Amino acid sequence: MSKAPEVILLVDDDAAVRNALKFSLEMEGFSVRLYPTPEALLAESDLPAGGCLVIDYRMPEIDGLELVERLRHRGVALPVLLISGRVTRSLRERASGLGIRDVLEKPLSDLAGSIRRVLDDGP
């Protein structure tokens, strides 16, 4: 019996990015749930116990760091990868302080590999 695919929760306000990443990750064997806004993810009542969050940093209303803070306050312990068009030392430090596993700069060259490393490390 084959193992069920890991669930990736992807939050990005850019539809083209969301769809391209979904296609790419599904080709790698992941199951992907898309969220167009942080609010859409926060409204989700059925978050999986396992898997990984991939969250864009720059979004209207709530940025990726604030989203992670809100999720942590709700007890969501899924590992997080933050993606951004511009990664700075300050962003990495702030992300690390929230327990975010890694900050990846767009264009993403090996998102699937980064997700596998995070999932192998566990929560």
N, C-alpha and C. Protein backbone atom coordinates (compact mmCIF):
# COMPACT_ATOMS: atom_id res chain seq x y z
N MET A 1 0.84 -1.16 0.00
CA MET A 1 0.00 0.00 0.00
C MET A 1 0.89 1.24 0.00
N SER A 2 0.62 2.21 -0.88
CA SER A 2 1.45 3.40 -0.96
C SER A 2 1.01 4.41 0.09
N LYS A 3 1.98 5.20 0.50
CA LYS A 3 1.74 6.24 1.50
C LYS A 3 0.93 7.37 0.88
N ALA A 4 0.00 7.94 1.66
CA ALA A 4 -0.78 9.08 1.17
C ALA A 4 0.15 10.26 0.96
N PRO A 5 -0.12 11.08 -0.06
CA PRO A 5 0.77 12.22 -0.29
C PRO A 5 0.69 13.22 0.86
N GLU A 6 1.82 13.85 1.15
CA GLU A 6 1.87 14.89 2.17
C GLU A 6 1.04 16.08 1.69
N VAL A 7 0.34 16.73 2.61
CA VAL A 7 -0.49 17.87 2.27
C VAL A 7 0.31 19.16 2.44
N ILE A 8 0.34 19.95 1.38
CA ILE A 8 0.99 21.24 1.41
C ILE A 8 -0.10 22.30 1.37
N LEU A 9 -0.10 23.20 2.35
CA LEU A 9 -1.04 24.32 2.39
C LEU A 9 -0.29 25.53 1.85
N LEU A 10 -0.72 26.03 0.70
CA LEU A 10 -0.01 27.10 0.00
C LEU A 10 -0.83 28.38 0.04
N VAL A 11 -0.25 29.43 0.61
CA VAL A 11 -0.93 30.72 0.71
C VAL A 11 -0.15 31.75 -0.09
N ASP A 12 -0.77 32.25 -1.15
CA ASP A 12 -0.15 33.29 -1.98
C ASP A 12 -1.27 34.06 -2.66
N ASP A 13 -1.17 35.39 -2.64
CA ASP A 13 -2.23 36.22 -3.22
C ASP A 13 -2.16 36.31 -4.74
N ASP A 14 -1.10 35.82 -5.34
CA ASP A 14 -0.93 35.86 -6.79
C ASP A 14 -1.41 34.53 -7.39
N ALA A 15 -2.52 34.58 -8.13
CA ALA A 15 -3.13 33.37 -8.68
C ALA A 15 -2.17 32.61 -9.60
N ALA A 16 -1.40 33.32 -10.39
CA ALA A 16 -0.46 32.65 -11.31
C ALA A 16 0.60 31.88 -10.52
N VAL A 17 1.11 32.47 -9.47
CA VAL A 17 2.11 31.80 -8.63
C VAL A 17 1.48 30.59 -7.96
N ARG A 18 0.31 30.78 -7.36
CA ARG A 18 -0.39 29.67 -6.69
C ARG A 18 -0.56 28.49 -7.64
N ASN A 19 -1.08 28.75 -8.81
CA ASN A 19 -1.37 27.67 -9.76
C ASN A 19 -0.11 27.00 -10.28
N ALA A 20 0.92 27.78 -10.54
CA ALA A 20 2.19 27.21 -11.01
C ALA A 20 2.83 26.34 -9.94
N LEU A 21 2.82 26.82 -8.70
CA LEU A 21 3.41 26.02 -7.62
C LEU A 21 2.58 24.77 -7.36
N LYS A 22 1.28 24.88 -7.42
CA LYS A 22 0.41 23.71 -7.24
C LYS A 22 0.74 22.64 -8.29
N PHE A 23 0.82 23.05 -9.53
CA PHE A 23 1.14 22.12 -10.61
C PHE A 23 2.49 21.45 -10.36
N SER A 24 3.48 22.25 -10.04
CA SER A 24 4.83 21.74 -9.82
C SER A 24 4.88 20.77 -8.64
N LEU A 25 4.23 21.13 -7.53
CA LEU A 25 4.26 20.28 -6.34
C LEU A 25 3.46 19.00 -6.54
N GLU A 26 2.35 19.07 -7.27
CA GLU A 26 1.58 17.85 -7.55
C GLU A 26 2.38 16.91 -8.45
N MET A 27 3.17 17.46 -9.34
CA MET A 27 4.04 16.63 -10.19
C MET A 27 5.09 15.90 -9.33
N GLU A 28 5.42 16.48 -8.18
CA GLU A 28 6.38 15.87 -7.25
C GLU A 28 5.71 14.91 -6.27
N GLY A 29 4.37 14.75 -6.38
CA GLY A 29 3.67 13.79 -5.55
C GLY A 29 2.98 14.35 -4.32
N PHE A 30 2.98 15.66 -4.17
CA PHE A 30 2.33 16.27 -3.02
C PHE A 30 0.86 16.54 -3.30
N SER A 31 0.06 16.56 -2.25
CA SER A 31 -1.32 17.02 -2.33
C SER A 31 -1.29 18.48 -1.89
N VAL A 32 -1.90 19.37 -2.67
CA VAL A 32 -1.79 20.80 -2.41
C VAL A 32 -3.16 21.42 -2.21
N ARG A 33 -3.29 22.20 -1.14
CA ARG A 33 -4.48 23.01 -0.91
C ARG A 33 -4.08 24.47 -1.11
N LEU A 34 -4.85 25.19 -1.91
CA LEU A 34 -4.53 26.58 -2.22
C LEU A 34 -5.40 27.54 -1.41
N TYR A 35 -4.77 28.63 -0.98
CA TYR A 35 -5.47 29.69 -0.26
C TYR A 35 -5.04 31.03 -0.87
N PRO A 36 -5.99 31.82 -1.37
CA PRO A 36 -5.64 33.08 -2.02
C PRO A 36 -5.30 34.21 -1.05
N THR A 37 -5.68 34.04 0.21
CA THR A 37 -5.41 35.08 1.22
C THR A 37 -5.11 34.42 2.56
N PRO A 38 -4.42 35.13 3.44
CA PRO A 38 -4.23 34.62 4.79
C PRO A 38 -5.57 34.38 5.50
N GLU A 39 -6.52 35.26 5.26
CA GLU A 39 -7.83 35.13 5.89
C GLU A 39 -8.52 33.82 5.49
N ALA A 40 -8.33 33.41 4.25
CA ALA A 40 -8.92 32.15 3.79
C ALA A 40 -8.36 30.97 4.56
N LEU A 41 -7.06 30.98 4.82
CA LEU A 41 -6.46 29.90 5.60
C LEU A 41 -6.94 29.97 7.05
N LEU A 42 -6.99 31.17 7.61
CA LEU A 42 -7.43 31.32 9.00
C LEU A 42 -8.88 30.88 9.19
N ALA A 43 -9.68 30.98 8.14
CA ALA A 43 -11.08 30.57 8.22
C ALA A 43 -11.24 29.05 8.09
N GLU A 44 -10.20 28.36 7.67
CA GLU A 44 -10.25 26.91 7.48
C GLU A 44 -10.39 26.21 8.83
N SER A 45 -11.38 25.35 8.93
CA SER A 45 -11.62 24.64 10.18
C SER A 45 -11.02 23.24 10.19
N ASP A 46 -10.57 22.77 9.04
CA ASP A 46 -10.09 21.40 8.92
C ASP A 46 -8.64 21.37 8.44
N LEU A 47 -7.73 21.88 9.27
CA LEU A 47 -6.32 21.85 8.90
C LEU A 47 -5.75 20.47 9.22
N PRO A 48 -4.90 19.94 8.35
CA PRO A 48 -4.34 18.61 8.59
C PRO A 48 -3.36 18.64 9.77
N ALA A 49 -3.17 17.48 10.39
CA ALA A 49 -2.22 17.37 11.49
C ALA A 49 -0.78 17.29 10.97
N GLY A 50 -0.63 16.84 9.73
CA GLY A 50 0.70 16.71 9.13
C GLY A 50 0.77 17.49 7.84
N GLY A 51 1.98 17.63 7.35
CA GLY A 51 2.19 18.38 6.12
C GLY A 51 3.05 19.59 6.36
N CYS A 52 2.86 20.59 5.53
CA CYS A 52 3.73 21.76 5.56
C CYS A 52 2.96 22.97 5.04
N LEU A 53 3.28 24.13 5.60
CA LEU A 53 2.73 25.39 5.12
C LEU A 53 3.78 26.08 4.25
N VAL A 54 3.37 26.56 3.09
CA VAL A 54 4.22 27.40 2.24
C VAL A 54 3.48 28.72 2.12
N ILE A 55 4.09 29.79 2.67
CA ILE A 55 3.40 31.06 2.80
C ILE A 55 4.22 32.17 2.16
N ASP A 56 3.55 32.95 1.31
CA ASP A 56 4.18 34.13 0.74
C ASP A 56 4.33 35.19 1.82
N TYR A 57 5.40 35.93 1.80
CA TYR A 57 5.63 36.97 2.80
C TYR A 57 4.78 38.21 2.55
N ARG A 58 4.85 38.74 1.34
CA ARG A 58 4.15 40.00 1.04
C ARG A 58 2.76 39.74 0.48
N MET A 59 1.77 40.04 1.32
CA MET A 59 0.37 39.94 0.91
C MET A 59 -0.38 41.12 1.52
N PRO A 60 -1.47 41.53 0.89
CA PRO A 60 -2.26 42.64 1.45
C PRO A 60 -2.86 42.24 2.80
N GLU A 61 -3.11 43.22 3.62
CA GLU A 61 -3.78 43.04 4.92
C GLU A 61 -2.90 42.35 5.96
N ILE A 62 -2.57 41.10 5.74
CA ILE A 62 -1.78 40.32 6.71
C ILE A 62 -0.56 39.78 5.97
N ASP A 63 0.65 40.05 6.48
CA ASP A 63 1.82 39.48 5.82
C ASP A 63 2.06 38.06 6.34
N GLY A 64 2.98 37.38 5.71
CA GLY A 64 3.24 35.98 6.05
C GLY A 64 3.67 35.76 7.49
N LEU A 65 4.44 36.68 8.04
CA LEU A 65 4.89 36.53 9.43
C LEU A 65 3.71 36.66 10.40
N GLU A 66 2.85 37.63 10.15
CA GLU A 66 1.68 37.79 11.02
C GLU A 66 0.77 36.56 10.91
N LEU A 67 0.63 36.02 9.72
CA LEU A 67 -0.18 34.82 9.54
C LEU A 67 0.38 33.68 10.39
N VAL A 68 1.69 33.49 10.35
CA VAL A 68 2.30 32.42 11.14
C VAL A 68 2.07 32.67 12.64
N GLU A 69 2.21 33.91 13.08
CA GLU A 69 1.93 34.23 14.49
C GLU A 69 0.51 33.83 14.87
N ARG A 70 -0.45 34.18 14.05
CA ARG A 70 -1.85 33.85 14.34
C ARG A 70 -2.07 32.34 14.36
N LEU A 71 -1.44 31.64 13.43
CA LEU A 71 -1.59 30.18 13.40
C LEU A 71 -0.98 29.55 14.65
N ARG A 72 0.18 30.03 15.08
CA ARG A 72 0.83 29.50 16.28
C ARG A 72 -0.05 29.73 17.51
N HIS A 73 -0.69 30.90 17.58
CA HIS A 73 -1.59 31.18 18.71
C HIS A 73 -2.79 30.23 18.71
N ARG A 74 -3.16 29.73 17.56
CA ARG A 74 -4.26 28.76 17.45
C ARG A 74 -3.78 27.33 17.69
N GLY A 75 -2.49 27.15 17.91
CA GLY A 75 -1.95 25.82 18.16
C GLY A 75 -1.54 25.05 16.93
N VAL A 76 -1.49 25.70 15.79
CA VAL A 76 -1.07 25.04 14.55
C VAL A 76 0.46 24.94 14.56
N ALA A 77 0.96 23.71 14.56
CA ALA A 77 2.39 23.48 14.69
C ALA A 77 3.04 22.98 13.40
N LEU A 78 2.33 23.05 12.28
CA LEU A 78 2.90 22.59 11.02
C LEU A 78 4.18 23.36 10.69
N PRO A 79 5.18 22.69 10.12
CA PRO A 79 6.37 23.42 9.70
C PRO A 79 6.03 24.41 8.59
N VAL A 80 6.79 25.52 8.55
CA VAL A 80 6.51 26.60 7.61
C VAL A 80 7.74 26.92 6.78
N LEU A 81 7.51 27.10 5.48
CA LEU A 81 8.49 27.70 4.58
C LEU A 81 7.90 29.03 4.12
N LEU A 82 8.65 30.10 4.27
CA LEU A 82 8.22 31.42 3.84
C LEU A 82 8.88 31.70 2.50
N ILE A 83 8.11 32.23 1.54
CA ILE A 83 8.67 32.58 0.24
C ILE A 83 8.54 34.08 0.04
N SER A 84 9.55 34.67 -0.61
CA SER A 84 9.55 36.12 -0.79
C SER A 84 10.37 36.48 -2.03
N GLY A 85 9.99 37.59 -2.64
CA GLY A 85 10.73 38.10 -3.79
C GLY A 85 12.04 38.76 -3.38
N ARG A 86 12.11 39.16 -2.13
CA ARG A 86 13.32 39.82 -1.62
C ARG A 86 13.56 39.34 -0.20
N VAL A 87 14.64 38.60 0.00
CA VAL A 87 14.97 38.06 1.31
C VAL A 87 16.12 38.86 1.91
N THR A 88 15.89 39.36 3.11
CA THR A 88 16.92 40.13 3.82
C THR A 88 17.32 39.39 5.10
N ARG A 89 18.40 39.81 5.68
CA ARG A 89 18.84 39.24 6.95
C ARG A 89 17.77 39.46 8.02
N SER A 90 17.19 40.66 8.04
CA SER A 90 16.15 40.99 9.01
C SER A 90 14.94 40.06 8.86
N LEU A 91 14.52 39.82 7.63
CA LEU A 91 13.40 38.92 7.40
C LEU A 91 13.73 37.52 7.89
N ARG A 92 14.92 37.04 7.59
CA ARG A 92 15.33 35.71 8.05
C ARG A 92 15.32 35.62 9.58
N GLU A 93 15.80 36.66 10.24
CA GLU A 93 15.85 36.67 11.70
C GLU A 93 14.44 36.68 12.30
N ARG A 94 13.57 37.51 11.74
CA ARG A 94 12.19 37.57 12.24
C ARG A 94 11.48 36.23 12.00
N ALA A 95 11.71 35.64 10.84
CA ALA A 95 11.10 34.35 10.53
C ALA A 95 11.61 33.27 11.48
N SER A 96 12.90 33.26 11.72
CA SER A 96 13.50 32.27 12.61
C SER A 96 12.91 32.39 14.02
N GLY A 97 12.68 33.62 14.46
CA GLY A 97 12.08 33.84 15.77
C GLY A 97 10.69 33.26 15.91
N LEU A 98 10.01 33.06 14.79
CA LEU A 98 8.67 32.46 14.79
C LEU A 98 8.71 30.95 14.54
N GLY A 99 9.93 30.41 14.42
CA GLY A 99 10.05 28.98 14.18
C GLY A 99 9.87 28.58 12.72
N ILE A 100 9.92 29.56 11.82
CA ILE A 100 9.82 29.25 10.39
C ILE A 100 11.09 28.54 9.97
N ARG A 101 10.93 27.42 9.29
CA ARG A 101 12.08 26.56 8.97
C ARG A 101 13.07 27.19 7.99
N ASP A 102 12.54 27.89 6.97
CA ASP A 102 13.42 28.48 5.98
C ASP A 102 12.68 29.60 5.25
N VAL A 103 13.46 30.53 4.72
CA VAL A 103 12.92 31.60 3.89
C VAL A 103 13.55 31.42 2.52
N LEU A 104 12.71 31.21 1.52
CA LEU A 104 13.18 30.94 0.16
C LEU A 104 12.90 32.14 -0.73
N GLU A 105 13.88 32.45 -1.57
CA GLU A 105 13.73 33.60 -2.46
C GLU A 105 13.19 33.16 -3.82
N LYS A 106 12.23 33.94 -4.32
CA LYS A 106 11.68 33.70 -5.66
C LYS A 106 12.69 34.19 -6.68
N PRO A 107 12.84 33.58 -7.82
CA PRO A 107 12.11 32.39 -8.25
C PRO A 107 12.60 31.17 -7.47
N LEU A 108 11.69 30.28 -7.19
CA LEU A 108 11.97 29.11 -6.38
C LEU A 108 12.57 28.01 -7.24
N SER A 109 13.80 27.62 -6.91
CA SER A 109 14.47 26.61 -7.74
C SER A 109 14.22 25.19 -7.25
N ASP A 110 14.07 24.98 -5.95
CA ASP A 110 13.88 23.62 -5.45
C ASP A 110 12.91 23.61 -4.27
N LEU A 111 11.71 24.11 -4.48
CA LEU A 111 10.71 24.14 -3.42
C LEU A 111 10.39 22.73 -2.94
N ALA A 112 10.23 21.80 -3.85
CA ALA A 112 9.89 20.42 -3.47
C ALA A 112 10.98 19.83 -2.58
N GLY A 113 12.25 20.07 -2.90
CA GLY A 113 13.35 19.58 -2.07
C GLY A 113 13.33 20.21 -0.68
N SER A 114 13.05 21.49 -0.61
CA SER A 114 12.96 22.17 0.69
C SER A 114 11.80 21.61 1.51
N ILE A 115 10.67 21.36 0.88
CA ILE A 115 9.53 20.78 1.59
C ILE A 115 9.88 19.40 2.11
N ARG A 116 10.52 18.58 1.29
CA ARG A 116 10.90 17.22 1.73
C ARG A 116 11.83 17.28 2.94
N ARG A 117 12.79 18.21 2.93
CA ARG A 117 13.71 18.33 4.07
C ARG A 117 12.96 18.70 5.35
N VAL A 118 12.01 19.66 5.23
CA VAL A 118 11.22 20.09 6.37
C VAL A 118 10.36 18.94 6.89
N LEU A 119 9.73 18.21 6.00
CA LEU A 119 8.87 17.10 6.42
C LEU A 119 9.69 15.97 7.05
N ASP A 120 10.89 15.74 6.55
CA ASP A 120 11.75 14.70 7.12
C ASP A 120 12.21 15.07 8.52
N ASP A 121 12.36 16.38 8.80
CA ASP A 121 12.80 16.84 10.12
C ASP A 121 11.69 16.74 11.16
N GLY A 122 10.43 16.70 10.72
CA GLY A 122 9.30 16.63 11.65
C GLY A 122 8.94 18.01 12.20
N PRO A 123 7.89 18.05 13.04
CA PRO A 123 7.39 19.34 13.56
C PRO A 123 8.38 20.12 14.37
